[in-house]
Amino acid sequence: MATTTVRLDPDEEHTLDELAEIHGGRSNALRVGLRLLAAETQRRAALADLLTEWEYEAGPVDEDAVAAMSNRYSLDS
């Protein structure tokens, strides 16, 4: 198993310590975070592919409609 050095500022170290209590240690907390980040990256890539295909089939995205939906559902852009 590989060892990696991570430099943290005091706030990040405090957060890691809090997460370590929940996840059974610092290494486990970092592994969980890494898996979550990888999953989020995969979801974003899949969404980008979906939107590209959708736009190809349905035409360009209507930015005004997107803004209206974002406002309606309180979504951050």
C-alpha atoms as a PDB file:
ATOM      1  CA  MET A   1       0.000   0.000   0.000  1.00  0.00           C
ATOM      2  CA  ALA A   2       1.329   3.442  -0.936  1.00  0.00           C
ATOM      3  CA  THR A   3       1.988   6.261   1.494  1.00  0.00           C
ATOM      4  CA  THR A   4       1.231   9.856   0.520  1.00  0.00           C
ATOM      5  CA  THR A   5       2.102  13.023   2.399  1.00  0.00           C
ATOM      6  CA  VAL A   6      -0.612  15.670   2.587  1.00  0.00           C
ATOM      7  CA  ARG A   7       0.009  19.148   3.958  1.00  0.00           C
ATOM      8  CA  LEU A   8      -3.008  20.625   5.715  1.00  0.00           C
ATOM      9  CA  ASP A   9      -3.658  24.029   7.161  1.00  0.00           C
ATOM     10  CA  PRO A  10      -4.946  24.116  10.764  1.00  0.00           C
ATOM     11  CA  ASP A  11      -8.617  24.300   9.711  1.00  0.00           C
ATOM     12  CA  GLU A  12      -8.247  21.334   7.368  1.00  0.00           C
ATOM     13  CA  GLU A  13      -6.450  19.363  10.067  1.00  0.00           C
ATOM     14  CA  HIS A  14      -9.269  20.104  12.509  1.00  0.00           C
ATOM     15  CA  THR A  15     -11.831  18.952   9.932  1.00  0.00           C
ATOM     16  CA  LEU A  16      -9.826  15.790   9.291  1.00  0.00           C
ATOM     17  CA  ASP A  17      -9.701  15.048  13.010  1.00  0.00           C
ATOM     18  CA  GLU A  18     -13.483  15.413  13.251  1.00  0.00           C
ATOM     19  CA  LEU A  19     -14.007  13.143  10.243  1.00  0.00           C
ATOM     20  CA  ALA A  20     -11.466  10.647  11.601  1.00  0.00           C
ATOM     21  CA  GLU A  21     -13.679  10.105  14.659  1.00  0.00           C
ATOM     22  CA  ILE A  22     -16.616   9.260  12.406  1.00  0.00           C
ATOM     23  CA  HIS A  23     -14.721   7.129   9.873  1.00  0.00           C
ATOM     24  CA  GLY A  24     -12.339   5.210  12.109  1.00  0.00           C
ATOM     25  CA  GLY A  25      -9.136   7.145  11.625  1.00  0.00           C
ATOM     26  CA  ARG A  26      -7.493   9.745   9.470  1.00  0.00           C
ATOM     27  CA  SER A  27      -6.550   7.337   6.675  1.00  0.00           C
ATOM     28  CA  ASN A  28     -10.090   5.982   6.450  1.00  0.00           C
ATOM     29  CA  ALA A  29     -11.526   9.505   6.395  1.00  0.00           C
ATOM     30  CA  LEU A  30      -9.187  10.436   3.536  1.00  0.00           C
ATOM     31  CA  ARG A  31     -10.074   7.258   1.646  1.00  0.00           C
ATOM     32  CA  VAL A  32     -13.785   8.027   1.997  1.00  0.00           C
ATOM     33  CA  GLY A  33     -13.187  11.573   0.754  1.00  0.00           C
ATOM     34  CA  LEU A  34     -11.172  10.304  -2.196  1.00  0.00           C
ATOM     35  CA  ARG A  35     -13.917   7.832  -3.165  1.00  0.00           C
ATOM     36  CA  LEU A  36     -16.579  10.549  -2.898  1.00  0.00           C
ATOM     37  CA  LEU A  37     -14.518  12.932  -5.039  1.00  0.00           C
ATOM     38  CA  ALA A  38     -13.943  10.223  -7.660  1.00  0.00           C
ATOM     39  CA  ALA A  39     -17.670   9.400  -7.740  1.00  0.00           C
ATOM     40  CA  GLU A  40     -18.569  13.088  -8.088  1.00  0.00           C
ATOM     41  CA  THR A  41     -16.085  13.458 -10.946  1.00  0.00           C
ATOM     42  CA  GLN A  42     -17.614  10.442 -12.718  1.00  0.00           C
ATOM     43  CA  ARG A  43     -21.147  11.821 -12.216  1.00  0.00           C
ATOM     44  CA  ARG A  44     -20.141  15.188 -13.660  1.00  0.00           C
ATOM     45  CA  ALA A  45     -18.507  13.536 -16.679  1.00  0.00           C
ATOM     46  CA  ALA A  46     -21.609  11.399 -17.267  1.00  0.00           C
ATOM     47  CA  LEU A  47     -23.835  14.480 -16.997  1.00  0.00           C
ATOM     48  CA  ALA A  48     -21.638  16.390 -19.454  1.00  0.00           C
ATOM     49  CA  ASP A  49     -21.895  13.474 -21.906  1.00  0.00           C
ATOM     50  CA  LEU A  50     -25.671  13.340 -21.460  1.00  0.00           C
ATOM     51  CA  LEU A  51     -26.042  17.068 -22.023  1.00  0.00           C
ATOM     52  CA  THR A  52     -23.831  16.956 -25.117  1.00  0.00           C
ATOM     53  CA  GLU A  53     -25.921  14.141 -26.581  1.00  0.00           C
ATOM     54  CA  TRP A  54     -29.159  15.897 -25.626  1.00  0.00           C
ATOM     55  CA  GLU A  55     -28.029  19.152 -27.222  1.00  0.00           C
ATOM     56  CA  TYR A  56     -27.008  17.282 -30.376  1.00  0.00           C
ATOM     57  CA  GLU A  57     -30.464  15.692 -30.606  1.00  0.00           C
ATOM     58  CA  ALA A  58     -32.631  18.604 -29.409  1.00  0.00           C
ATOM     59  CA  GLY A  59     -30.610  21.656 -30.379  1.00  0.00           C
ATOM     60  CA  PRO A  60     -28.817  24.262 -28.280  1.00  0.00           C
ATOM     61  CA  VAL A  61     -29.715  24.854 -24.663  1.00  0.00           C
ATOM     62  CA  ASP A  62     -31.978  27.857 -24.057  1.00  0.00           C
ATOM     63  CA  GLU A  63     -30.029  29.825 -21.434  1.00  0.00           C
ATOM     64  CA  ASP A  64     -33.133  31.775 -20.371  1.00  0.00           C
ATOM     65  CA  ALA A  65     -34.991  28.514 -19.701  1.00  0.00           C
ATOM     66  CA  VAL A  66     -32.051  27.208 -17.669  1.00  0.00           C
ATOM     67  CA  ALA A  67     -31.951  30.419 -15.622  1.00  0.00           C
ATOM     68  CA  ALA A  68     -35.702  30.244 -15.019  1.00  0.00           C
ATOM     69  CA  MET A  69     -35.462  26.635 -13.846  1.00  0.00           C
ATOM     70  CA  SER A  70     -32.491  27.455 -11.626  1.00  0.00           C
ATOM     71  CA  ASN A  71     -34.475  30.259 -10.003  1.00  0.00           C
ATOM     72  CA  ARG A  72     -37.623  28.139  -9.700  1.00  0.00           C
ATOM     73  CA  TYR A  73     -35.820  25.271  -7.967  1.00  0.00           C
ATOM     74  CA  SER A  74     -33.274  27.413  -6.056  1.00  0.00           C
ATOM     75  CA  LEU A  75     -30.296  25.844  -7.805  1.00  0.00           C
ATOM     76  CA  ASP A  76     -26.814  27.328  -7.816  1.00  0.00           C
ATOM     77  CA  SER A  77     -25.274  27.779 -11.232  1.00  0.00           C
END
